[in-house]
Amino acid sequence: MTYRAKMVGGKVEFEGGIKPADGVELRVDVVSTEKQQETSGARRPTLSEVLLNFAGTMNDPDLPVDGSVNHDHYIYGSPKR
């Protein structure tokens, strides 16, 4: 079962006045809205920003240096460019 609720004054208020029974174990997933993100100044990084963290980190001497140009050759066996 899924309940929707909001934090109000440090307390959880369930929509529709629903009150789960005492002792019921709940899992809380925080769902922030864009408005909340704007006011808090927090934003999730884009996929490209995350992937840029890995740029230039592959320094294995066993990897081909022309992998970006000839990836079809190394993956599928097509002729090198």
N, C-alpha and C. Protein backbone atom coordinates (compact mmCIF):
# COMPACT_ATOMS: atom_id res chain seq x y z
N MET A 1 0.85 -1.17 0.00
CA MET A 1 0.00 0.00 0.00
C MET A 1 0.90 1.24 0.00
N THR A 2 0.49 2.27 -0.69
CA THR A 2 1.26 3.51 -0.77
C THR A 2 0.48 4.64 -0.14
N TYR A 3 1.14 5.35 0.76
CA TYR A 3 0.56 6.54 1.38
C TYR A 3 1.31 7.76 0.89
N ARG A 4 0.61 8.85 0.68
CA ARG A 4 1.27 10.11 0.34
C ARG A 4 1.18 11.01 1.57
N ALA A 5 2.28 11.70 1.84
CA ALA A 5 2.31 12.55 3.03
C ALA A 5 3.27 13.71 2.81
N LYS A 6 3.18 14.70 3.67
CA LYS A 6 4.08 15.86 3.64
C LYS A 6 4.56 16.14 5.05
N MET A 7 5.74 16.72 5.13
CA MET A 7 6.26 17.17 6.43
C MET A 7 5.68 18.56 6.69
N VAL A 8 5.04 18.73 7.83
CA VAL A 8 4.47 20.01 8.22
C VAL A 8 4.87 20.27 9.67
N GLY A 9 5.69 21.29 9.85
CA GLY A 9 6.11 21.64 11.21
C GLY A 9 6.86 20.51 11.90
N GLY A 10 7.64 19.74 11.15
CA GLY A 10 8.41 18.66 11.74
C GLY A 10 7.63 17.38 11.97
N LYS A 11 6.38 17.33 11.51
CA LYS A 11 5.56 16.13 11.66
C LYS A 11 5.07 15.67 10.29
N VAL A 12 4.85 14.37 10.17
CA VAL A 12 4.34 13.80 8.93
C VAL A 12 2.81 13.86 8.95
N GLU A 13 2.24 14.49 7.91
CA GLU A 13 0.79 14.53 7.78
C GLU A 13 0.40 13.79 6.51
N PHE A 14 -0.39 12.73 6.67
CA PHE A 14 -0.81 11.92 5.55
C PHE A 14 -1.98 12.57 4.83
N GLU A 15 -1.99 12.44 3.51
CA GLU A 15 -3.10 13.00 2.72
C GLU A 15 -4.38 12.27 3.05
N GLY A 16 -5.48 12.99 3.06
CA GLY A 16 -6.78 12.39 3.31
C GLY A 16 -7.01 12.01 4.76
N GLY A 17 -6.13 12.45 5.64
CA GLY A 17 -6.32 12.14 7.06
C GLY A 17 -6.06 10.69 7.41
N ILE A 18 -5.42 9.95 6.52
CA ILE A 18 -5.13 8.54 6.78
C ILE A 18 -4.09 8.44 7.88
N LYS A 19 -4.29 7.49 8.77
CA LYS A 19 -3.32 7.25 9.85
C LYS A 19 -3.02 5.75 9.89
N PRO A 20 -1.82 5.36 9.45
CA PRO A 20 -1.47 3.93 9.54
C PRO A 20 -1.50 3.47 10.99
N ALA A 21 -1.75 2.19 11.17
CA ALA A 21 -1.85 1.63 12.53
C ALA A 21 -0.51 1.71 13.25
N ASP A 22 -0.57 1.82 14.58
CA ASP A 22 0.64 1.83 15.39
C ASP A 22 1.44 0.55 15.14
N GLY A 23 2.75 0.70 15.06
CA GLY A 23 3.62 -0.46 14.87
C GLY A 23 3.83 -0.87 13.43
N VAL A 24 3.11 -0.23 12.51
CA VAL A 24 3.29 -0.54 11.09
C VAL A 24 4.64 -0.01 10.64
N GLU A 25 5.43 -0.86 10.00
CA GLU A 25 6.73 -0.43 9.50
C GLU A 25 6.53 0.31 8.19
N LEU A 26 7.10 1.51 8.10
CA LEU A 26 6.96 2.34 6.90
C LEU A 26 8.32 2.56 6.26
N ARG A 27 8.32 2.71 4.96
CA ARG A 27 9.52 3.11 4.23
C ARG A 27 9.27 4.50 3.70
N VAL A 28 10.21 5.40 3.89
CA VAL A 28 10.05 6.79 3.47
C VAL A 28 10.96 7.07 2.29
N ASP A 29 10.38 7.43 1.15
CA ASP A 29 11.12 7.88 -0.02
C ASP A 29 10.85 9.36 -0.17
N VAL A 30 11.88 10.18 -0.08
CA VAL A 30 11.71 11.61 -0.20
C VAL A 30 11.60 11.97 -1.67
N VAL A 31 10.53 12.62 -2.03
CA VAL A 31 10.31 13.06 -3.40
C VAL A 31 10.32 14.57 -3.38
N SER A 32 11.38 15.15 -3.92
CA SER A 32 11.46 16.61 -3.91
C SER A 32 10.91 17.16 -5.21
N THR A 33 10.29 18.29 -5.12
CA THR A 33 9.76 18.96 -6.31
C THR A 33 10.78 19.94 -6.83
N GLU A 34 10.60 20.39 -8.06
CA GLU A 34 11.51 21.37 -8.64
C GLU A 34 11.52 22.65 -7.80
N LYS A 35 10.36 23.02 -7.27
CA LYS A 35 10.28 24.23 -6.45
C LYS A 35 11.14 24.07 -5.20
N GLN A 36 11.10 22.90 -4.57
CA GLN A 36 11.93 22.65 -3.39
C GLN A 36 13.40 22.68 -3.76
N GLN A 37 13.75 22.13 -4.93
CA GLN A 37 15.15 22.13 -5.37
C GLN A 37 15.62 23.55 -5.62
N GLU A 38 14.75 24.38 -6.20
CA GLU A 38 15.13 25.76 -6.48
C GLU A 38 15.38 26.53 -5.19
N THR A 39 14.52 26.32 -4.20
CA THR A 39 14.67 27.06 -2.96
C THR A 39 15.86 26.55 -2.14
N SER A 40 16.17 25.27 -2.26
CA SER A 40 17.30 24.74 -1.50
C SER A 40 18.61 24.93 -2.25
N GLY A 41 18.54 25.26 -3.54
CA GLY A 41 19.75 25.45 -4.34
C GLY A 41 20.35 24.14 -4.81
N ALA A 42 19.75 23.02 -4.44
CA ALA A 42 20.28 21.71 -4.83
C ALA A 42 19.70 21.28 -6.16
N ARG A 43 20.54 20.67 -6.99
CA ARG A 43 20.05 20.09 -8.23
C ARG A 43 20.87 18.84 -8.53
N ARG A 44 20.26 17.92 -9.21
CA ARG A 44 20.96 16.70 -9.58
C ARG A 44 21.82 16.97 -10.79
N PRO A 45 23.03 16.41 -10.82
CA PRO A 45 23.88 16.61 -12.00
C PRO A 45 23.30 15.87 -13.20
N THR A 46 23.55 16.40 -14.39
CA THR A 46 23.08 15.74 -15.60
C THR A 46 23.93 14.51 -15.86
N LEU A 47 23.47 13.63 -16.74
CA LEU A 47 24.22 12.43 -17.08
C LEU A 47 25.57 12.79 -17.66
N SER A 48 25.62 13.81 -18.51
CA SER A 48 26.90 14.20 -19.10
C SER A 48 27.86 14.72 -18.03
N GLU A 49 27.36 15.40 -17.02
CA GLU A 49 28.22 15.87 -15.94
C GLU A 49 28.78 14.70 -15.13
N VAL A 50 27.96 13.70 -14.91
CA VAL A 50 28.42 12.52 -14.18
C VAL A 50 29.47 11.77 -14.99
N LEU A 51 29.20 11.58 -16.29
CA LEU A 51 30.14 10.83 -17.13
C LEU A 51 31.45 11.57 -17.34
N LEU A 52 31.42 12.89 -17.32
CA LEU A 52 32.66 13.66 -17.47
C LEU A 52 33.64 13.39 -16.34
N ASN A 53 33.15 12.95 -15.19
CA ASN A 53 34.04 12.59 -14.10
C ASN A 53 34.95 11.43 -14.46
N PHE A 54 34.54 10.62 -15.44
CA PHE A 54 35.33 9.46 -15.84
C PHE A 54 36.22 9.76 -17.05
N ALA A 55 36.09 10.91 -17.65
CA ALA A 55 36.88 11.25 -18.84
C ALA A 55 38.36 11.26 -18.49
N GLY A 56 39.14 10.56 -19.30
CA GLY A 56 40.58 10.53 -19.12
C GLY A 56 41.08 9.65 -18.00
N THR A 57 40.23 8.80 -17.45
CA THR A 57 40.64 7.96 -16.33
C THR A 57 41.13 6.59 -16.75
N MET A 58 40.98 6.23 -18.02
CA MET A 58 41.40 4.92 -18.51
C MET A 58 42.85 5.01 -18.98
N ASN A 59 43.79 4.67 -18.12
CA ASN A 59 45.20 4.75 -18.45
C ASN A 59 45.84 3.37 -18.50
N ASP A 60 45.09 2.37 -18.94
CA ASP A 60 45.59 1.00 -19.03
C ASP A 60 46.44 0.87 -20.28
N PRO A 61 47.72 0.49 -20.16
CA PRO A 61 48.58 0.38 -21.34
C PRO A 61 48.16 -0.74 -22.29
N ASP A 62 47.30 -1.67 -21.83
CA ASP A 62 46.85 -2.76 -22.70
C ASP A 62 45.69 -2.34 -23.61
N LEU A 63 45.09 -1.17 -23.36
CA LEU A 63 43.98 -0.70 -24.19
C LEU A 63 44.52 -0.02 -25.45
N PRO A 64 43.81 -0.17 -26.58
CA PRO A 64 44.27 0.49 -27.81
C PRO A 64 44.14 2.01 -27.70
N VAL A 65 45.10 2.73 -28.26
CA VAL A 65 45.07 4.19 -28.21
C VAL A 65 44.12 4.77 -29.25
N ASP A 66 43.70 3.97 -30.24
CA ASP A 66 42.79 4.45 -31.27
C ASP A 66 41.38 3.89 -31.07
N GLY A 67 41.03 3.59 -29.85
CA GLY A 67 39.74 2.97 -29.56
C GLY A 67 38.55 3.82 -29.93
N SER A 68 38.65 5.14 -29.80
CA SER A 68 37.51 5.99 -30.14
C SER A 68 37.29 6.06 -31.64
N VAL A 69 38.35 5.95 -32.43
CA VAL A 69 38.23 6.02 -33.89
C VAL A 69 37.85 4.66 -34.47
N ASN A 70 38.41 3.60 -33.92
CA ASN A 70 38.21 2.26 -34.48
C ASN A 70 37.38 1.35 -33.58
N HIS A 71 36.41 1.93 -32.86
CA HIS A 71 35.61 1.11 -31.95
C HIS A 71 34.86 0.01 -32.67
N ASP A 72 34.41 0.23 -33.91
CA ASP A 72 33.71 -0.82 -34.67
C ASP A 72 34.65 -2.00 -34.95
N HIS A 73 35.92 -1.71 -35.15
CA HIS A 73 36.89 -2.79 -35.39
C HIS A 73 37.04 -3.63 -34.13
N TYR A 74 37.17 -2.98 -32.98
CA TYR A 74 37.40 -3.71 -31.73
C TYR A 74 36.14 -4.40 -31.23
N ILE A 75 34.97 -3.89 -31.55
CA ILE A 75 33.72 -4.50 -31.09
C ILE A 75 33.22 -5.55 -32.08
N TYR A 76 33.19 -5.19 -33.39
CA TYR A 76 32.58 -6.04 -34.39
C TYR A 76 33.55 -6.70 -35.36
N GLY A 77 34.81 -6.27 -35.33
CA GLY A 77 35.79 -6.85 -36.24
C GLY A 77 35.81 -6.22 -37.62
N SER A 78 35.15 -5.10 -37.81
CA SER A 78 35.16 -4.44 -39.13
C SER A 78 36.56 -3.86 -39.38
N PRO A 79 36.89 -3.55 -40.64
CA PRO A 79 38.23 -3.03 -40.94
C PRO A 79 38.51 -1.73 -40.19
N LYS A 80 39.80 -1.52 -39.83
CA LYS A 80 40.19 -0.28 -39.17
C LYS A 80 40.09 0.88 -40.14
N ARG A 81 39.89 2.05 -39.63
CA ARG A 81 39.82 3.26 -40.46
C ARG A 81 41.20 3.76 -40.74
